[in-house]
Amino acid sequence: MGGTGEEKPQSLLPQAPKKTRAKSQSDEEEAAIFNTKLLFEATRLEKFCDKWWNIAETDHSEAGLKTYLEQLNKHMALVDMANENLQMSNIEETIRKSSEERYDHINDSGLNTRLRINEILSSIRPAPEEASRTNPTPLATLPPSNQPNYLKVPACDTEVFYGGYEDWPSFRDMFTAVYISHPKLSPAQKLYHLRQKTRGKAALLIKNYPLNDQSFELAWNALKHRYENRRILVDNQLKTLFNIQPVTSENGERIQYVQTTINNCLSTLQANGVSTANCDPMLVYLCSSKLPDETLALWEQSLNSRKELPLWSELDQFLTTRYEVVERLTTYRPNKPKPNQSNFTPRSSTPTNNSFHSRNKTHSLHTDPKRQASCKLCNSNHSLINCVKFKELSVQDRNKFVRENSEQMAKAKGTASPIQQTLENRIPSGTPQAIQMATPRSQH
């Protein structure tokens, strides 16, 4: 019995560390599973929030907002549960800190999304006590003349700013009107909306500012300092103004584009403090150089004086009328070719049947049916020089064929045939081919 009692502790001693390692490994696997679950739920919540923010607020309805709010609450509850399980598990300190930072970031995104949905819902559907305070008497009891006509105005929002200098003034004014002037938004919430409304270079400029109340003014001033550059804005407008492409045809859309581009540049220059009061001669000359010939001629004819300097307002009014006329003519004759197009076909070395000049040339060469050339080799209606089969023969075979077929004509006229004369003109004198062609005539 004593020997048996001594053997049991010896068999159990090495097994204790194995159970400890197994338990530690199980805790690590459990923590890894909870961490993966938190990553998965956080990614789903982030995609859900991004999807909602990409929808224009004018497209939202009360029922749709309620559905989004319900789904948002479910996603946030799943993230909270995954984070709680992870924090209660046996995880390393570095993983714990990184998971807490990830949770705080995605939780802020969910809270801001929920806040914005509730704000839109409150604007669509006023509170009952507020409605009763503003309308104590039902509208049905009021006289028909005193019943106001309510018109639902869509929510106003600004577009995403990507860092273009020409887009900064409109973005600055719209963001100020919609978000900065909002009485219920905290500076941290304004900074969150500013991040959502910037992309590219503009987003990188404010990316490192933390999401708190103190950072909004710093981020907003950084954007203003970077993009409020009057010189670049003016230079871009002048570049656009002097690089307008000329209009080569009577096209109403192209004429209107020239007019609109000039007016837009003038408005932007004036908004940046650049005076355009004395720029009429320059604008008239610049615009006239871009117009097609017919429109330019009509503009010159419309002037009362050929010596006085016309104003840009006069040319602007003329272009409006001209655009309407060209557009109207296009509706009457939609299939009419453009005035700058011509049916003239350049003279080409390759004969074509559709060319007007080729037909005239053919008629002038073949007005006399007796002089129509007929190929002796293939019996086709073309000269022997242009015969493909004749060109494929060797030089000796060509000379032989010419001598045999022109012998009768040479005997009748006492001279060489026209075909042989043509060949002689094309073959340089003194060559063996020229000597061979001259031999039959001398013998004859």
Protein backbone atom coordinates (compact mmCIF):
# COMPACT_ATOMS: atom_id res chain seq x y z
CA MET A 1 0.00 0.00 0.00
CA GLY A 2 2.83 2.38 0.90
CA GLY A 3 4.58 1.72 -2.46
CA THR A 4 1.38 2.38 -4.31
CA GLY A 5 0.81 5.65 -2.43
CA GLU A 6 4.27 6.90 -3.39
CA GLU A 7 3.85 6.23 -7.12
CA LYS A 8 0.69 8.31 -7.59
CA PRO A 9 2.17 11.72 -6.64
CA GLN A 10 5.11 11.06 -8.97
CA SER A 11 2.75 10.50 -11.93
CA LEU A 12 0.72 13.63 -11.14
CA LEU A 13 3.58 16.11 -10.68
CA PRO A 14 4.54 16.50 -14.37
CA GLN A 15 0.90 16.95 -15.42
CA ALA A 16 0.28 20.17 -13.46
CA PRO A 17 2.16 22.53 -15.78
CA LYS A 18 0.41 21.01 -18.81
CA LYS A 19 -2.97 22.00 -17.42
CA THR A 20 -1.69 25.55 -16.72
CA ARG A 21 -0.39 25.95 -20.27
CA ALA A 22 -3.61 24.60 -21.70
CA LYS A 23 -5.62 27.08 -19.67
CA SER A 24 -3.39 30.00 -20.74
CA GLN A 25 -3.66 28.97 -24.38
CA SER A 26 -7.43 28.78 -24.07
CA ASP A 27 -7.58 32.33 -22.65
CA GLU A 28 -5.46 33.68 -25.50
CA GLU A 29 -7.69 32.02 -28.10
CA GLU A 30 -10.77 33.41 -26.40
CA ALA A 31 -9.27 36.91 -26.35
CA ALA A 32 -8.35 36.61 -30.03
CA ILE A 33 -11.93 35.62 -30.84
CA PHE A 34 -13.34 38.60 -28.90
CA ASN A 35 -10.86 40.94 -30.62
CA THR A 36 -11.87 39.63 -34.05
CA LYS A 37 -15.53 40.05 -33.12
CA LEU A 38 -14.93 43.68 -32.09
CA LEU A 39 -13.12 44.40 -35.35
CA PHE A 40 -15.95 42.86 -37.33
CA GLU A 41 -18.74 44.76 -35.56
CA ALA A 42 -16.77 48.03 -35.60
CA THR A 43 -16.22 47.72 -39.35
CA ARG A 44 -19.93 47.08 -39.92
CA LEU A 45 -20.88 50.12 -37.85
CA GLU A 46 -18.35 52.30 -39.67
CA LYS A 47 -19.63 51.25 -43.11
CA PHE A 48 -23.21 51.81 -41.98
CA CYS A 49 -22.41 55.35 -40.82
CA ASP A 50 -20.49 56.17 -44.02
CA LYS A 51 -23.38 54.90 -46.10
CA TRP A 52 -25.83 57.14 -44.28
CA TRP A 53 -23.65 60.25 -44.53
CA ASN A 54 -23.24 59.73 -48.29
CA ILE A 55 -27.01 60.05 -48.77
CA ALA A 56 -28.20 63.60 -49.44
CA GLU A 57 -30.34 64.89 -46.60
CA THR A 58 -32.97 65.99 -49.09
CA ASP A 59 -33.58 62.32 -49.94
CA HIS A 60 -34.46 61.33 -46.38
CA SER A 61 -38.01 60.68 -45.22
CA GLU A 62 -39.35 60.30 -41.71
CA ALA A 63 -39.95 56.56 -42.11
CA GLY A 64 -36.51 56.03 -43.62
CA LEU A 65 -34.80 57.95 -40.83
CA LYS A 66 -36.59 55.88 -38.20
CA THR A 67 -35.40 52.69 -39.91
CA TYR A 68 -31.82 53.96 -40.07
CA LEU A 69 -31.96 54.96 -36.41
CA GLU A 70 -33.20 51.51 -35.40
CA GLN A 71 -30.47 49.76 -37.37
CA LEU A 72 -27.85 52.14 -35.97
CA ASN A 73 -28.86 51.31 -32.40
CA LYS A 74 -28.54 47.60 -33.14
CA HIS A 75 -25.05 48.02 -34.61
CA MET A 76 -23.92 50.11 -31.64
CA ALA A 77 -25.28 47.54 -29.17
CA LEU A 78 -23.32 44.77 -30.89
CA VAL A 79 -20.14 46.86 -30.75
CA ASP A 80 -20.70 47.56 -27.04
CA MET A 81 -21.19 43.86 -26.33
CA ALA A 82 -18.07 42.85 -28.28
CA ASN A 83 -15.97 45.49 -26.53
CA GLU A 84 -17.25 44.43 -23.09
CA ASN A 85 -16.41 40.77 -23.74
CA LEU A 86 -12.94 41.72 -24.93
CA GLN A 87 -12.18 43.93 -21.95
CA MET A 88 -13.28 41.20 -19.51
CA SER A 89 -11.06 38.58 -21.13
CA ASN A 90 -7.41 37.91 -20.35
CA ILE A 91 -5.67 40.01 -23.02
CA GLU A 92 -2.37 41.82 -23.22
CA GLU A 93 -2.14 45.45 -22.23
CA THR A 94 -1.15 46.63 -25.73
CA ILE A 95 -4.15 44.89 -27.28
CA ARG A 96 -6.39 46.37 -24.61
CA LYS A 97 -5.24 49.93 -25.33
CA SER A 98 -5.56 49.58 -29.11
CA SER A 99 -9.04 48.08 -28.78
CA GLU A 100 -10.11 50.91 -26.47
CA GLU A 101 -8.93 53.52 -29.00
CA ARG A 102 -10.74 51.71 -31.82
CA TYR A 103 -13.90 51.49 -29.75
CA ASP A 104 -13.81 55.18 -28.79
CA HIS A 105 -13.38 56.22 -32.43
CA ILE A 106 -16.22 54.12 -33.81
CA ASN A 107 -18.46 54.96 -30.85
CA ASP A 108 -18.01 58.70 -31.55
CA SER A 109 -18.93 58.10 -35.17
CA GLY A 110 -22.09 56.25 -34.16
CA LEU A 111 -23.08 58.91 -31.62
CA ASN A 112 -22.66 61.75 -34.14
CA THR A 113 -24.67 59.84 -36.72
CA ARG A 114 -27.44 59.23 -34.20
CA LEU A 115 -27.41 62.91 -33.23
CA ARG A 116 -27.72 64.04 -36.85
CA ILE A 117 -30.59 61.63 -37.54
CA ASN A 118 -32.48 62.91 -34.50
CA GLU A 119 -31.88 66.52 -35.62
CA ILE A 120 -33.34 65.84 -39.06
CA LEU A 121 -36.26 63.99 -37.51
CA SER A 122 -36.98 66.91 -35.22
CA SER A 123 -36.93 69.32 -38.17
CA ILE A 124 -39.32 67.12 -40.14
CA ARG A 125 -41.61 66.37 -37.21
CA PRO A 126 -41.86 69.18 -34.56
CA ALA A 127 -42.43 68.30 -30.95
CA PRO A 128 -46.12 68.05 -29.81
CA GLU A 129 -45.81 70.81 -27.18
CA GLU A 130 -44.14 73.12 -29.72
CA ALA A 131 -46.83 72.44 -32.28
CA SER A 132 -49.57 73.13 -29.75
CA ARG A 133 -47.82 76.34 -28.67
CA THR A 134 -47.42 77.66 -32.20
CA ASN A 135 -50.88 76.50 -33.38
CA PRO A 136 -53.26 76.62 -30.41
CA THR A 137 -56.30 76.74 -32.71
CA PRO A 138 -56.86 74.02 -35.33
CA LEU A 139 -56.48 75.23 -38.88
CA ALA A 140 -59.86 73.81 -39.78
CA THR A 141 -61.58 76.34 -37.50
CA LEU A 142 -59.86 79.34 -39.10
CA PRO A 143 -61.34 81.14 -42.08
CA PRO A 144 -59.98 79.95 -45.43
CA SER A 145 -58.23 83.27 -46.06
CA ASN A 146 -56.26 82.98 -42.79
CA GLN A 147 -54.96 79.45 -43.38
CA PRO A 148 -51.22 79.60 -44.24
CA ASN A 149 -49.83 77.51 -47.05
CA TYR A 150 -46.89 75.56 -45.67
CA LEU A 151 -44.18 74.54 -48.12
CA LYS A 152 -41.65 71.95 -47.04
CA VAL A 153 -38.19 73.22 -47.88
CA PRO A 154 -35.50 70.52 -48.44
CA ALA A 155 -32.58 70.45 -46.07
CA CYS A 156 -29.62 72.54 -47.18
CA ASP A 157 -26.12 71.05 -47.10
CA THR A 158 -22.72 71.76 -48.54
CA GLU A 159 -20.80 69.66 -51.04
CA VAL A 160 -17.61 67.78 -50.25
CA PHE A 161 -14.47 69.93 -50.46
CA TYR A 162 -11.48 68.27 -52.16
CA GLY A 163 -8.97 71.11 -51.87
CA GLY A 164 -9.62 73.19 -55.00
CA TYR A 165 -8.93 76.90 -54.63
CA GLU A 166 -11.86 77.84 -56.84
CA ASP A 167 -14.25 75.72 -54.71
CA TRP A 168 -13.16 77.13 -51.35
CA PRO A 169 -15.29 80.34 -51.24
CA SER A 170 -18.57 78.50 -51.82
CA PHE A 171 -17.62 75.71 -49.41
CA ARG A 172 -16.58 78.22 -46.74
CA ASP A 173 -19.85 80.16 -46.94
CA MET A 174 -22.08 77.06 -47.06
CA PHE A 175 -20.32 75.28 -44.21
CA THR A 176 -20.54 78.42 -42.12
CA ALA A 177 -24.27 78.77 -42.79
CA VAL A 178 -25.16 75.11 -42.24
CA TYR A 179 -22.82 73.94 -39.46
CA ILE A 180 -20.85 76.76 -37.83
CA SER A 181 -23.94 78.92 -37.32
CA HIS A 182 -25.98 75.98 -36.02
CA PRO A 183 -26.95 76.81 -32.41
CA LYS A 184 -27.14 73.20 -31.18
CA LEU A 185 -23.84 71.86 -32.48
CA SER A 186 -20.84 71.74 -30.17
CA PRO A 187 -17.36 72.53 -31.54
CA ALA A 188 -16.48 68.83 -31.44
CA GLN A 189 -19.53 68.00 -33.56
CA LYS A 190 -18.65 70.78 -35.99
CA LEU A 191 -15.18 69.31 -36.34
CA TYR A 192 -16.69 65.90 -37.01
CA HIS A 193 -18.87 67.34 -39.79
CA LEU A 194 -15.85 69.18 -41.14
CA ARG A 195 -14.01 65.88 -41.42
CA GLN A 196 -16.97 64.32 -43.19
CA LYS A 197 -17.14 67.17 -45.73
CA THR A 198 -13.45 67.18 -46.70
CA ARG A 199 -11.50 64.78 -48.88
CA GLY A 200 -8.05 64.59 -50.44
CA LYS A 201 -5.59 67.35 -49.57
CA ALA A 202 -8.12 69.24 -47.45
CA ALA A 203 -8.82 66.15 -45.33
CA LEU A 204 -5.11 65.52 -44.76
CA LEU A 205 -4.72 69.08 -43.53
CA ILE A 206 -7.12 68.59 -40.58
CA LYS A 207 -6.67 64.86 -40.05
CA ASN A 208 -4.29 65.15 -37.08
CA TYR A 209 -6.49 67.45 -35.02
CA PRO A 210 -8.16 65.46 -32.19
CA LEU A 211 -11.94 65.33 -32.04
CA ASN A 212 -12.66 67.73 -29.19
CA ASP A 213 -14.05 71.22 -28.62
CA GLN A 214 -10.67 72.95 -28.63
CA SER A 215 -9.57 71.57 -32.02
CA PHE A 216 -12.34 72.91 -34.25
CA GLU A 217 -11.11 76.52 -34.35
CA LEU A 218 -7.58 75.32 -35.06
CA ALA A 219 -8.69 73.04 -37.91
CA TRP A 220 -10.99 75.67 -39.43
CA ASN A 221 -8.29 78.35 -39.29
CA ALA A 222 -5.82 75.93 -40.90
CA LEU A 223 -8.17 75.54 -43.88
CA LYS A 224 -8.73 79.28 -44.13
CA HIS A 225 -5.01 79.98 -43.97
CA ARG A 226 -4.31 77.40 -46.67
CA TYR A 227 -7.04 78.13 -49.23
CA GLU A 228 -7.93 81.81 -48.80
CA ASN A 229 -5.34 82.96 -51.35
CA ARG A 230 -6.70 85.80 -53.45
CA ARG A 231 -3.77 85.79 -55.82
CA ILE A 232 -4.23 82.14 -56.79
CA LEU A 233 -7.99 82.60 -57.16
CA VAL A 234 -7.53 85.61 -59.44
CA ASP A 235 -4.79 83.90 -61.46
CA ASN A 236 -7.03 80.87 -62.05
CA GLN A 237 -9.84 83.07 -63.32
CA LEU A 238 -7.55 84.98 -65.67
CA LYS A 239 -6.15 81.70 -66.95
CA THR A 240 -9.67 80.48 -67.68
CA LEU A 241 -10.59 83.77 -69.33
CA PHE A 242 -7.63 83.90 -71.71
CA ASN A 243 -7.70 80.19 -72.60
CA ILE A 244 -11.23 80.05 -74.02
CA GLN A 245 -11.24 77.92 -77.15
CA PRO A 246 -12.47 79.61 -80.37
CA VAL A 247 -15.82 78.58 -81.83
CA THR A 248 -15.36 77.42 -85.42
CA SER A 249 -19.01 76.75 -86.32
CA GLU A 250 -22.41 78.30 -85.71
CA ASN A 251 -23.08 76.18 -82.64
CA GLY A 252 -25.45 77.67 -80.07
CA GLU A 253 -24.08 75.71 -77.14
CA ARG A 254 -20.50 76.72 -77.89
CA ILE A 255 -21.48 80.38 -78.25
CA GLN A 256 -23.32 80.25 -74.93
CA TYR A 257 -20.30 78.57 -73.31
CA VAL A 258 -18.05 81.49 -74.31
CA GLN A 259 -20.55 83.99 -72.95
CA THR A 260 -21.10 82.09 -69.67
CA THR A 261 -17.38 81.57 -69.06
CA ILE A 262 -16.65 85.29 -69.40
CA ASN A 263 -19.51 86.26 -67.09
CA ASN A 264 -18.48 83.70 -64.46
CA CYS A 265 -14.91 84.96 -64.49
CA LEU A 266 -16.10 88.56 -64.10
CA SER A 267 -18.29 87.60 -61.12
CA THR A 268 -15.43 85.77 -59.40
CA LEU A 269 -13.01 88.63 -59.99
CA GLN A 270 -15.47 91.12 -58.54
CA ALA A 271 -16.06 88.86 -55.53
CA ASN A 272 -12.30 88.93 -54.88
CA GLY A 273 -12.13 92.71 -54.98
CA VAL A 274 -10.86 93.11 -58.55
CA SER A 275 -12.52 96.00 -60.38
CA THR A 276 -13.78 95.22 -63.90
CA ALA A 277 -15.41 98.58 -64.60
CA ASN A 278 -12.94 99.60 -67.34
CA CYS A 279 -12.42 96.20 -68.97
CA ASP A 280 -15.07 96.52 -71.70
CA PRO A 281 -12.68 97.00 -74.68
CA MET A 282 -10.56 94.05 -73.60
CA LEU A 283 -13.60 91.79 -73.03
CA VAL A 284 -15.20 92.75 -76.34
CA TYR A 285 -12.00 92.08 -78.26
CA LEU A 286 -11.35 88.82 -76.43
CA CYS A 287 -14.86 87.53 -77.01
CA SER A 288 -14.97 88.68 -80.65
CA SER A 289 -11.80 86.72 -81.41
CA LYS A 290 -13.51 83.54 -80.21
CA LEU A 291 -16.72 83.86 -82.27
CA PRO A 292 -17.40 82.16 -85.63
CA ASP A 293 -17.36 84.24 -88.81
CA GLU A 294 -21.12 84.59 -89.34
CA THR A 295 -21.82 85.57 -85.73
CA LEU A 296 -18.94 88.03 -85.76
CA ALA A 297 -20.26 89.62 -88.98
CA LEU A 298 -23.74 89.99 -87.48
CA TRP A 299 -22.25 91.58 -84.37
CA GLU A 300 -20.38 94.15 -86.45
CA GLN A 301 -23.54 94.92 -88.42
CA SER A 302 -25.53 95.44 -85.22
CA LEU A 303 -23.25 98.28 -84.02
CA ASN A 304 -24.59 101.80 -84.48
CA SER A 305 -21.13 103.28 -84.83
CA ARG A 306 -17.93 101.80 -86.28
CA LYS A 307 -15.75 104.26 -84.38
CA GLU A 308 -17.13 104.17 -80.82
CA LEU A 309 -16.01 101.49 -78.37
CA PRO A 310 -18.81 99.00 -77.71
CA LEU A 311 -19.60 97.87 -74.17
CA TRP A 312 -19.47 94.30 -72.91
CA SER A 313 -23.11 94.56 -71.87
CA GLU A 314 -24.04 95.18 -75.52
CA LEU A 315 -22.10 92.15 -76.74
CA ASP A 316 -23.51 90.10 -73.88
CA GLN A 317 -27.06 90.94 -74.93
CA PHE A 318 -26.24 90.24 -78.57
CA LEU A 319 -24.83 86.79 -77.70
CA THR A 320 -27.99 85.92 -75.78
CA THR A 321 -30.13 86.79 -78.80
CA ARG A 322 -27.76 85.01 -81.18
CA TYR A 323 -27.79 81.84 -79.11
CA GLU A 324 -31.59 81.77 -79.11
CA VAL A 325 -31.71 82.26 -82.89
CA VAL A 326 -29.15 79.50 -83.60
CA GLU A 327 -30.93 77.15 -81.22
CA ARG A 328 -34.25 77.88 -82.91
CA LEU A 329 -32.80 77.26 -86.38
CA THR A 330 -31.39 73.96 -85.19
CA THR A 331 -34.86 72.80 -84.17
CA TYR A 332 -36.22 73.68 -87.62
CA ARG A 333 -33.41 71.94 -89.54
CA PRO A 334 -31.81 69.35 -87.27
CA ASN A 335 -30.16 67.42 -90.13
CA LYS A 336 -28.71 70.41 -91.97
CA PRO A 337 -24.91 70.21 -92.24
CA LYS A 338 -22.88 72.75 -90.36
CA PRO A 339 -21.86 75.88 -92.32
CA ASN A 340 -18.14 75.22 -91.85
CA GLN A 341 -18.38 71.79 -93.47
CA SER A 342 -17.74 71.58 -97.22
CA ASN A 343 -18.43 68.95 -99.82
CA PHE A 344 -15.10 69.69 -101.50
CA THR A 345 -12.90 66.64 -101.81
CA PRO A 346 -9.15 67.25 -102.17
CA ARG A 347 -7.48 65.97 -105.30
CA SER A 348 -6.01 62.57 -104.58
CA SER A 349 -3.61 60.33 -106.43
CA THR A 350 -6.08 57.45 -106.04
CA PRO A 351 -9.13 57.83 -108.34
CA THR A 352 -12.53 57.66 -106.59
CA ASN A 353 -16.01 57.38 -108.05
CA ASN A 354 -17.62 59.70 -105.47
CA SER A 355 -15.34 62.68 -106.08
CA PHE A 356 -16.87 65.53 -108.02
CA HIS A 357 -13.55 66.48 -109.56
CA SER A 358 -12.80 62.90 -110.48
CA ARG A 359 -16.07 62.67 -112.40
CA ASN A 360 -15.34 65.91 -114.21
CA LYS A 361 -11.87 64.71 -115.06
CA THR A 362 -13.23 61.44 -116.43
CA HIS A 363 -15.75 63.27 -118.62
CA SER A 364 -13.10 65.57 -120.04
CA LEU A 365 -10.84 62.66 -120.95
CA HIS A 366 -13.55 60.44 -122.48
CA THR A 367 -15.85 62.80 -124.31
CA ASP A 368 -14.91 61.16 -127.61
CA PRO A 369 -16.00 57.48 -127.67
CA LYS A 370 -13.55 56.74 -130.52
CA ARG A 371 -10.61 57.58 -128.25
CA GLN A 372 -11.66 55.31 -125.42
CA ALA A 373 -8.74 53.09 -124.51
CA SER A 374 -9.19 49.33 -124.52
CA CYS A 375 -6.61 47.00 -123.04
CA LYS A 376 -5.27 44.46 -125.58
CA LEU A 377 -4.17 42.13 -122.81
CA CYS A 378 -7.32 41.72 -120.66
CA ASN A 379 -9.91 43.42 -122.96
CA SER A 380 -10.97 45.80 -120.17
CA ASN A 381 -11.82 49.49 -120.51
CA HIS A 382 -8.47 50.92 -119.42
CA SER A 383 -5.14 51.66 -120.99
CA LEU A 384 -2.40 49.10 -121.21
CA ILE A 385 -0.17 51.17 -118.94
CA ASN A 386 -2.72 50.83 -116.10
CA CYS A 387 -3.31 47.12 -116.62
CA VAL A 388 -2.40 45.02 -113.59
CA LYS A 389 -1.62 41.95 -115.63
CA PHE A 390 0.67 43.96 -117.90
CA LYS A 391 2.60 45.25 -114.87
CA GLU A 392 3.10 41.71 -113.62
CA LEU A 393 4.95 40.72 -116.83
CA SER A 394 8.68 40.93 -117.12
CA VAL A 395 10.33 43.66 -119.19
CA GLN A 396 11.05 41.33 -122.10
CA ASP A 397 7.49 40.02 -122.14
CA ARG A 398 6.14 43.57 -122.07
CA ASN A 399 8.30 44.59 -125.05
CA LYS A 400 7.30 41.49 -126.94
CA PHE A 401 3.60 42.06 -126.30
CA VAL A 402 3.84 45.73 -127.33
CA ARG A 403 5.70 44.91 -130.56
CA GLU A 404 3.24 42.19 -131.56
CA ASN A 405 0.09 44.22 -130.86
CA SER A 406 1.29 47.57 -132.21
CA GLU A 407 2.78 46.24 -135.46
CA GLN A 408 -0.44 46.58 -137.39
CA MET A 409 -1.09 50.13 -136.18
CA ALA A 410 2.49 51.12 -136.93
CA LYS A 411 2.20 49.82 -140.51
CA ALA A 412 -1.03 51.75 -141.07
CA LYS A 413 0.30 55.09 -139.75
CA GLY A 414 3.98 54.65 -140.51
CA THR A 415 4.82 55.65 -136.90
CA ALA A 416 5.04 53.98 -133.54
CA SER A 417 1.83 53.25 -131.73
CA PRO A 418 0.73 55.54 -128.89
CA ILE A 419 1.28 52.74 -126.38
CA GLN A 420 4.87 52.26 -127.51
CA GLN A 421 5.45 56.02 -127.42
CA THR A 422 4.18 56.12 -123.86
CA LEU A 423 6.51 53.33 -122.85
CA GLU A 424 9.43 55.06 -124.52
CA ASN A 425 8.70 58.22 -122.62
CA ARG A 426 8.69 56.32 -119.32
CA ILE A 427 11.88 54.31 -120.05
CA PRO A 428 15.09 56.38 -119.99
CA SER A 429 16.94 56.60 -123.27
CA GLY A 430 20.09 54.56 -123.69
CA THR A 431 18.88 51.68 -121.54
CA PRO A 432 18.68 48.15 -123.02
CA GLN A 433 14.87 48.33 -122.82
CA ALA A 434 14.80 51.52 -124.87
CA ILE A 435 17.14 50.02 -127.47
CA GLN A 436 14.98 46.91 -127.75
CA MET A 437 11.84 49.01 -128.21
CA ALA A 438 13.47 51.14 -130.88
CA THR A 439 14.73 48.14 -132.88
CA PRO A 440 11.40 47.10 -134.48
CA ARG A 441 10.71 50.57 -135.81
CA SER A 442 14.13 50.90 -137.38
CA GLN A 443 13.85 47.46 -138.96
CA HIS A 444 10.39 48.19 -140.22
